[in-house]
Amino acid sequence: MDKQILIDTVQKLLAGDKGLLAMDESVNTCNKRLASLGIPQTEEARRSFREWIITTPGLNESISGAILFDETIRQQTKDGTSFIEVLKKAGIIPGIKVDKGAKPMAGFPGEKITEGLDGLRERLKEYVQLGARFAKWRAVITIGENTPTNACIDSNMQRLANYASLCQEAGLVPIVEPEVLMEGNHTMAQTFEVTEKVLKALFNQLYLQNIFMEGILLKPNMVIAGKNAKTQNSAYEIAEATVNCLLQSVPAAVPGIAFLSGGQSSQQASERLNAIHKYFSRKLPWVVTFSFSRAIEYPAIEIWNGEDANVEKAQKALYHRAKLNATARRGEYDAEMENDIL
């Protein structure tokens, strides 16, 4: 493991006011998005969709890294240029999702375990050769009447640590993503309790497996009440709870935290990231940024709607959305900016 390579990659990913674009949708997920717009679910449609995203003019002003999927990292633009080369030329660091998805956990109804460790060492070597410089692995934790169990938390966090160790061995910065899902009617206090428990379990496993803390990034959920909860908290309350939870759970040695959007609307994700920086930036020992997918890609996808004639307009919407999140990272976002698209 070359620690300096990891540190250099982390610093580039966290530079300026930029964040990450999580365009790592699996084939099935991407097909569902296309189907919702009435677009044929073909490899060419997925390639076309991804091409206009990565070729968006000025995207590198707000995006430092792009998380790709196995299919995506191998694709090319219409003129035959690899997606990796397009990103590199724009100064955007390519990354890769390496987990095989969350599957039902045997013996634990309603809970899931993320798979993908088999053959991972060999896959990571190939991804490095293809041009990836960081990776991502997602674990999902559900809050319910009898969940999460300690077995689910511990098993998932151990796998996240196994993955992180293999990444660092290969020279890739591991993004560790323990997502406490928004689905449910749980309160913000319950989310706080579970998120704190999950993060402490994660870092315990990372320490046990000798992970180089300065060479990772954490991608957590914000502390938000369930989607069906009676009380939905303000951006300030969510920011305060999120920061306090992280302060109690995440070592200061971790260089950066990049929030997932987790089902929040585009505007909600920006407002809450902004509140974290506007009100609590002095309390943060880490760089705090964003790693959004739908919260950046929508409404640009709907504008595109599978039509080449709509690409330019869709790219402007994508650029605008990414720019708003970079503004939120500075704590300067305002809802009125939503209508300032060029």
Protein backbone atom coordinates (compact mmCIF):
# COMPACT_ATOMS: atom_id res chain seq x y z
CA MET A 1 0.00 0.00 0.00
CA ASP A 2 1.37 3.37 -1.07
CA LYS A 3 -0.13 5.77 1.47
CA GLN A 4 0.93 8.87 -0.46
CA ILE A 5 -1.03 7.77 -3.54
CA LEU A 6 -4.14 7.39 -1.39
CA ILE A 7 -3.60 10.77 0.27
CA ASP A 8 -3.09 12.48 -3.10
CA THR A 9 -6.31 10.99 -4.51
CA VAL A 10 -8.30 11.99 -1.43
CA GLN A 11 -7.01 15.56 -1.59
CA LYS A 12 -7.98 15.87 -5.26
CA LEU A 13 -11.46 14.49 -4.57
CA LEU A 14 -11.99 16.99 -1.76
CA ALA A 15 -10.44 20.00 -3.49
CA GLY A 16 -12.19 23.35 -3.82
CA ASP A 17 -15.93 23.30 -3.27
CA LYS A 18 -16.44 20.21 -5.38
CA GLY A 19 -18.24 16.94 -4.70
CA LEU A 20 -18.79 13.54 -6.29
CA LEU A 21 -21.31 12.47 -8.90
CA ALA A 22 -22.60 8.98 -8.12
CA MET A 23 -23.48 7.73 -11.59
CA ASP A 24 -22.99 4.10 -10.55
CA GLU A 25 -26.52 2.85 -11.19
CA SER A 26 -26.60 -0.87 -11.94
CA VAL A 27 -28.03 -2.06 -15.25
CA ASN A 28 -31.35 -2.87 -13.56
CA THR A 29 -31.58 0.50 -11.81
CA CYS A 30 -30.62 2.40 -14.94
CA ASN A 31 -33.20 0.44 -16.93
CA LYS A 32 -35.89 1.35 -14.41
CA ARG A 33 -35.10 5.04 -14.82
CA LEU A 34 -35.24 4.74 -18.58
CA ALA A 35 -38.48 2.77 -18.42
CA SER A 36 -40.10 5.45 -16.28
CA LEU A 37 -39.53 7.87 -19.17
CA GLY A 38 -40.67 5.44 -21.84
CA ILE A 39 -37.12 4.99 -23.16
CA PRO A 40 -36.03 1.55 -24.49
CA GLN A 41 -33.92 -0.33 -21.94
CA THR A 42 -30.95 -1.10 -24.17
CA GLU A 43 -27.20 -0.88 -23.72
CA GLU A 44 -27.09 1.88 -26.33
CA ALA A 45 -29.72 3.90 -24.45
CA ARG A 46 -27.71 3.54 -21.23
CA ARG A 47 -24.52 4.51 -23.05
CA SER A 48 -26.17 7.57 -24.59
CA PHE A 49 -27.60 8.58 -21.22
CA ARG A 50 -24.21 8.38 -19.56
CA GLU A 51 -22.41 10.12 -22.42
CA TRP A 52 -24.35 13.37 -22.20
CA ILE A 53 -23.77 13.40 -18.43
CA ILE A 54 -19.98 13.07 -18.56
CA THR A 55 -19.65 15.46 -21.51
CA THR A 56 -21.60 18.24 -19.79
CA PRO A 57 -19.61 21.47 -20.33
CA GLY A 58 -18.20 22.85 -17.08
CA LEU A 59 -19.15 19.83 -14.99
CA ASN A 60 -15.64 19.77 -13.57
CA GLU A 61 -16.26 23.16 -11.93
CA SER A 62 -18.38 21.39 -9.29
CA ILE A 63 -17.55 17.69 -9.65
CA SER A 64 -14.16 16.24 -8.67
CA GLY A 65 -14.94 12.55 -9.11
CA ALA A 66 -17.49 10.29 -10.79
CA ILE A 67 -18.45 6.87 -9.45
CA LEU A 68 -19.04 4.48 -12.35
CA PHE A 69 -20.56 1.01 -12.74
CA ASP A 70 -18.84 -1.99 -14.32
CA GLU A 71 -20.68 -1.48 -17.61
CA THR A 72 -20.03 2.26 -17.59
CA ILE A 73 -16.28 2.12 -17.02
CA ARG A 74 -15.96 0.07 -20.23
CA GLN A 75 -18.13 2.29 -22.45
CA GLN A 76 -17.18 4.87 -25.05
CA THR A 77 -18.63 8.00 -26.59
CA LYS A 78 -20.04 7.92 -30.12
CA ASP A 79 -16.67 9.00 -31.49
CA GLY A 80 -14.91 6.07 -29.80
CA THR A 81 -13.35 7.89 -26.84
CA SER A 82 -13.49 5.90 -23.62
CA PHE A 83 -15.55 7.41 -20.82
CA ILE A 84 -12.45 7.19 -18.62
CA GLU A 85 -10.50 9.41 -21.02
CA VAL A 86 -13.35 11.93 -21.22
CA LEU A 87 -13.42 12.22 -17.43
CA LYS A 88 -9.64 12.45 -17.09
CA LYS A 89 -9.45 15.14 -19.75
CA ALA A 90 -12.03 17.14 -17.80
CA GLY A 91 -10.04 16.71 -14.59
CA ILE A 92 -12.68 14.45 -13.03
CA ILE A 93 -11.29 11.40 -11.22
CA PRO A 94 -12.90 8.08 -12.23
CA GLY A 95 -14.15 5.76 -9.51
CA ILE A 96 -15.97 2.43 -9.52
CA LYS A 97 -18.73 0.75 -7.55
CA VAL A 98 -17.49 -2.74 -6.67
CA ASP A 99 -20.15 -4.33 -4.48
CA LYS A 100 -22.61 -6.80 -6.01
CA GLY A 101 -25.66 -5.35 -4.30
CA ALA A 102 -27.58 -5.87 -1.08
CA LYS A 103 -29.29 -9.27 -0.87
CA PRO A 104 -31.71 -10.71 1.74
CA MET A 105 -29.78 -11.78 4.82
CA ALA A 106 -30.40 -15.44 5.61
CA GLY A 107 -32.07 -15.87 8.99
CA PHE A 108 -32.87 -12.19 9.39
CA PRO A 109 -36.16 -11.26 7.71
CA GLY A 110 -36.30 -7.67 6.46
CA GLU A 111 -32.52 -7.16 6.58
CA LYS A 112 -29.90 -7.25 3.84
CA ILE A 113 -26.24 -8.11 3.48
CA THR A 114 -24.05 -6.70 0.74
CA GLU A 115 -22.24 -9.21 -1.45
CA GLY A 116 -19.20 -8.91 -3.68
CA LEU A 117 -16.05 -9.92 -1.82
CA ASP A 118 -15.49 -13.06 -3.91
CA GLY A 119 -12.91 -12.28 -6.55
CA LEU A 120 -12.69 -8.64 -5.48
CA ARG A 121 -8.88 -8.52 -5.37
CA GLU A 122 -8.69 -9.52 -9.03
CA ARG A 123 -11.51 -7.14 -10.05
CA LEU A 124 -9.78 -4.24 -8.31
CA LYS A 125 -6.57 -4.89 -10.24
CA GLU A 126 -8.53 -4.72 -13.50
CA TYR A 127 -10.30 -1.51 -12.49
CA VAL A 128 -6.96 0.11 -11.67
CA GLN A 129 -5.71 -0.86 -15.14
CA LEU A 130 -8.88 0.65 -16.66
CA GLY A 131 -8.16 3.94 -14.88
CA ALA A 132 -10.16 3.93 -11.64
CA ARG A 133 -8.58 5.70 -8.68
CA PHE A 134 -11.18 5.14 -6.00
CA ALA A 135 -14.01 2.70 -5.28
CA LYS A 136 -17.33 2.46 -3.45
CA TRP A 137 -19.15 -0.22 -1.44
CA ARG A 138 -22.65 0.32 -0.03
CA ALA A 139 -24.25 -1.39 2.95
CA VAL A 140 -27.92 -0.80 3.74
CA ILE A 141 -29.44 -0.72 7.21
CA THR A 142 -33.21 -0.70 7.73
CA ILE A 143 -34.95 0.76 10.77
CA GLY A 144 -38.07 -1.24 11.70
CA GLU A 145 -39.85 -2.75 14.64
CA ASN A 146 -37.14 -5.35 15.19
CA THR A 147 -34.36 -3.98 13.02
CA PRO A 148 -31.54 -3.40 12.69
CA THR A 149 -30.08 -6.37 14.53
CA ASN A 150 -26.52 -6.43 15.80
CA ALA A 151 -25.84 -9.35 13.47
CA CYS A 152 -26.83 -7.31 10.42
CA ILE A 153 -24.82 -4.28 11.48
CA ASP A 154 -21.70 -6.23 12.42
CA SER A 155 -21.75 -8.44 9.31
CA ASN A 156 -22.14 -5.49 6.96
CA MET A 157 -19.50 -3.38 8.67
CA GLN A 158 -17.02 -6.26 8.62
CA ARG A 159 -17.52 -6.61 4.88
CA LEU A 160 -17.08 -2.86 4.40
CA ALA A 161 -13.75 -3.13 6.24
CA ASN A 162 -12.69 -6.18 4.17
CA TYR A 163 -13.45 -4.23 1.01
CA ALA A 164 -11.56 -1.16 2.27
CA SER A 165 -8.48 -3.24 3.02
CA LEU A 166 -8.43 -4.76 -0.47
CA CYS A 167 -8.90 -1.31 -2.04
CA GLN A 168 -5.98 0.22 -0.19
CA GLU A 169 -3.83 -2.78 -1.10
CA ALA A 170 -4.64 -2.09 -4.76
CA GLY A 171 -3.95 1.65 -4.45
CA LEU A 172 -7.61 2.69 -4.59
CA VAL A 173 -9.23 5.05 -2.10
CA PRO A 174 -12.20 3.20 -0.58
CA ILE A 175 -15.44 5.08 -0.08
CA VAL A 176 -17.26 3.32 2.73
CA GLU A 177 -21.02 3.81 2.53
CA PRO A 178 -23.12 2.59 5.47
CA GLU A 179 -26.60 3.85 4.55
CA VAL A 180 -29.36 3.95 7.13
CA LEU A 181 -32.41 4.01 4.90
CA MET A 182 -35.11 6.69 4.99
CA GLU A 183 -37.93 4.19 4.38
CA GLY A 184 -40.20 3.91 7.43
CA ASN A 185 -41.94 6.03 10.03
CA HIS A 186 -39.05 6.29 12.49
CA THR A 187 -38.23 9.60 14.14
CA MET A 188 -35.08 11.63 13.68
CA ALA A 189 -34.01 10.54 17.18
CA GLN A 190 -34.24 6.91 16.12
CA THR A 191 -32.19 7.62 13.00
CA PHE A 192 -29.59 9.33 15.19
CA GLU A 193 -29.35 6.33 17.51
CA VAL A 194 -29.04 3.78 14.71
CA THR A 195 -26.63 5.89 12.63
CA GLU A 196 -24.35 6.41 15.63
CA LYS A 197 -24.35 2.68 16.35
CA VAL A 198 -23.63 1.80 12.73
CA LEU A 199 -20.77 4.30 12.40
CA LYS A 200 -19.13 3.17 15.64
CA ALA A 201 -19.35 -0.44 14.49
CA LEU A 202 -17.85 0.54 11.14
CA PHE A 203 -14.85 2.33 12.56
CA ASN A 204 -14.25 -0.44 15.06
CA GLN A 205 -13.95 -2.86 12.12
CA LEU A 206 -11.77 -0.45 10.15
CA TYR A 207 -9.37 -0.20 13.09
CA LEU A 208 -9.32 -3.97 13.58
CA GLN A 209 -8.35 -4.44 9.95
CA ASN A 210 -5.57 -1.82 9.99
CA ILE A 211 -7.22 0.55 7.56
CA PHE A 212 -5.23 3.71 6.84
CA MET A 213 -7.78 6.29 7.98
CA GLU A 214 -6.24 9.20 6.09
CA GLY A 215 -6.79 7.22 2.89
CA ILE A 216 -10.56 6.68 3.00
CA LEU A 217 -13.75 8.68 2.52
CA LEU A 218 -16.99 8.16 4.44
CA LYS A 219 -20.31 8.34 2.58
CA PRO A 220 -23.06 8.37 5.23
CA ASN A 221 -26.72 9.31 5.37
CA MET A 222 -27.83 12.52 7.01
CA VAL A 223 -29.81 12.11 10.22
CA ILE A 224 -33.35 12.42 8.89
CA ALA A 225 -36.70 11.08 10.10
CA GLY A 226 -38.27 8.30 8.04
CA LYS A 227 -40.23 9.29 4.94
CA ASN A 228 -43.49 8.33 6.62
CA ALA A 229 -42.78 9.91 10.01
CA LYS A 230 -45.42 12.33 11.30
CA THR A 231 -42.79 14.95 12.12
CA GLN A 232 -40.43 16.12 9.41
CA ASN A 233 -37.66 18.28 10.79
CA SER A 234 -36.25 21.54 9.46
CA ALA A 235 -32.97 21.78 7.58
CA TYR A 236 -31.36 23.36 10.64
CA GLU A 237 -32.53 20.55 12.94
CA ILE A 238 -31.31 17.91 10.50
CA ALA A 239 -27.95 19.64 10.15
CA GLU A 240 -27.53 19.91 13.92
CA ALA A 241 -28.42 16.26 14.54
CA THR A 242 -26.22 15.07 11.68
CA VAL A 243 -23.17 17.01 12.83
CA ASN A 244 -23.59 15.92 16.45
CA CYS A 245 -23.96 12.29 15.40
CA LEU A 246 -20.83 12.42 13.27
CA LEU A 247 -18.82 14.14 16.00
CA GLN A 248 -19.65 11.27 18.34
CA SER A 249 -18.85 8.56 15.82
CA VAL A 250 -16.25 9.51 13.20
CA PRO A 251 -12.53 9.93 13.96
CA ALA A 252 -10.97 13.26 13.07
CA ALA A 253 -8.31 11.34 11.13
CA VAL A 254 -10.87 10.67 8.41
CA PRO A 255 -10.15 13.37 5.80
CA GLY A 256 -13.58 13.73 4.26
CA ILE A 257 -17.29 12.99 4.49
CA ALA A 258 -19.40 12.97 1.32
CA PHE A 259 -23.11 12.67 2.04
CA LEU A 260 -25.41 10.46 0.02
CA SER A 261 -28.80 11.90 -0.88
CA GLY A 262 -30.72 8.75 0.03
CA GLY A 263 -34.06 9.63 -1.51
CA GLN A 264 -34.10 13.32 -0.61
CA SER A 265 -35.29 15.66 -3.32
CA SER A 266 -32.66 17.71 -5.13
CA GLN A 267 -33.62 20.86 -3.26
CA GLN A 268 -33.80 19.15 0.14
CA ALA A 269 -30.33 17.67 -0.27
CA SER A 270 -28.88 21.07 -1.15
CA GLU A 271 -30.71 22.88 1.65
CA ARG A 272 -29.52 20.43 4.29
CA LEU A 273 -25.92 20.34 3.09
CA ASN A 274 -25.99 24.13 3.09
CA ALA A 275 -27.31 24.24 6.67
CA ILE A 276 -24.47 22.01 7.85
CA HIS A 277 -21.92 24.48 6.49
CA LYS A 278 -23.81 27.67 7.25
CA TYR A 279 -24.40 26.93 10.92
CA PHE A 280 -21.86 24.30 11.97
CA SER A 281 -18.76 24.60 9.78
CA ARG A 282 -16.54 25.58 12.72
CA LYS A 283 -17.35 22.31 14.45
CA LEU A 284 -16.30 20.11 11.54
CA PRO A 285 -12.86 18.42 11.78
CA TRP A 286 -13.36 16.88 8.31
CA VAL A 287 -14.01 18.23 4.84
CA VAL A 288 -17.75 17.77 4.29
CA THR A 289 -19.10 17.53 0.77
CA PHE A 290 -21.66 15.65 -1.34
CA SER A 291 -21.83 12.42 -3.32
CA PHE A 292 -25.28 12.61 -4.88
CA SER A 293 -26.91 10.65 -7.68
CA ARG A 294 -30.59 11.42 -8.28
CA ALA A 295 -30.26 14.70 -6.37
CA ILE A 296 -27.93 15.92 -9.14
CA GLU A 297 -29.20 14.02 -12.17
CA TYR A 298 -32.83 15.10 -11.78
CA PRO A 299 -34.55 17.02 -13.34
CA ALA A 300 -31.92 16.83 -16.12
CA ILE A 301 -32.89 13.24 -16.93
CA GLU A 302 -36.53 14.21 -17.36
CA ILE A 303 -35.53 17.10 -19.63
CA TRP A 304 -33.43 14.76 -21.78
CA ASN A 305 -36.20 12.16 -22.06
CA GLY A 306 -34.14 10.08 -24.47
CA GLU A 307 -34.06 12.75 -27.18
CA ASP A 308 -30.80 14.01 -28.70
CA ALA A 309 -32.48 17.37 -29.33
CA ASN A 310 -32.85 17.85 -25.56
CA VAL A 311 -29.23 17.08 -24.62
CA GLU A 312 -28.00 20.69 -24.46
CA LYS A 313 -30.88 21.77 -22.24
CA ALA A 314 -30.44 18.70 -20.02
CA GLN A 315 -26.72 19.41 -19.66
CA LYS A 316 -27.43 22.97 -18.57
CA ALA A 317 -29.81 21.63 -15.90
CA LEU A 318 -27.19 19.12 -14.73
CA TYR A 319 -24.50 21.80 -14.60
CA HIS A 320 -26.84 24.06 -12.63
CA ARG A 321 -27.72 21.34 -10.11
CA ALA A 322 -24.07 20.44 -9.53
CA LYS A 323 -23.23 24.13 -9.12
CA LEU A 324 -25.95 24.56 -6.49
CA ASN A 325 -24.43 21.77 -4.43
CA ALA A 326 -20.97 23.30 -4.67
CA THR A 327 -22.57 26.53 -3.46
CA ALA A 328 -24.20 24.62 -0.58
CA ARG A 329 -20.79 23.25 0.37
CA ARG A 330 -19.76 26.85 0.98
CA GLY A 331 -22.92 27.52 3.01
CA GLU A 332 -24.06 30.09 0.42
CA TYR A 333 -27.02 28.27 -1.14
CA ASP A 334 -30.41 29.96 -1.29
CA ALA A 335 -33.64 28.46 -2.60
CA GLU A 336 -34.04 31.41 -4.98
CA MET A 337 -31.00 30.12 -6.86
CA GLU A 338 -33.08 27.18 -8.05
CA ASN A 339 -34.50 29.36 -10.82
CA ASP A 340 -31.19 30.85 -11.97
CA ILE A 341 -30.51 28.23 -14.64
CA LEU A 342 -28.85 29.66 -17.73
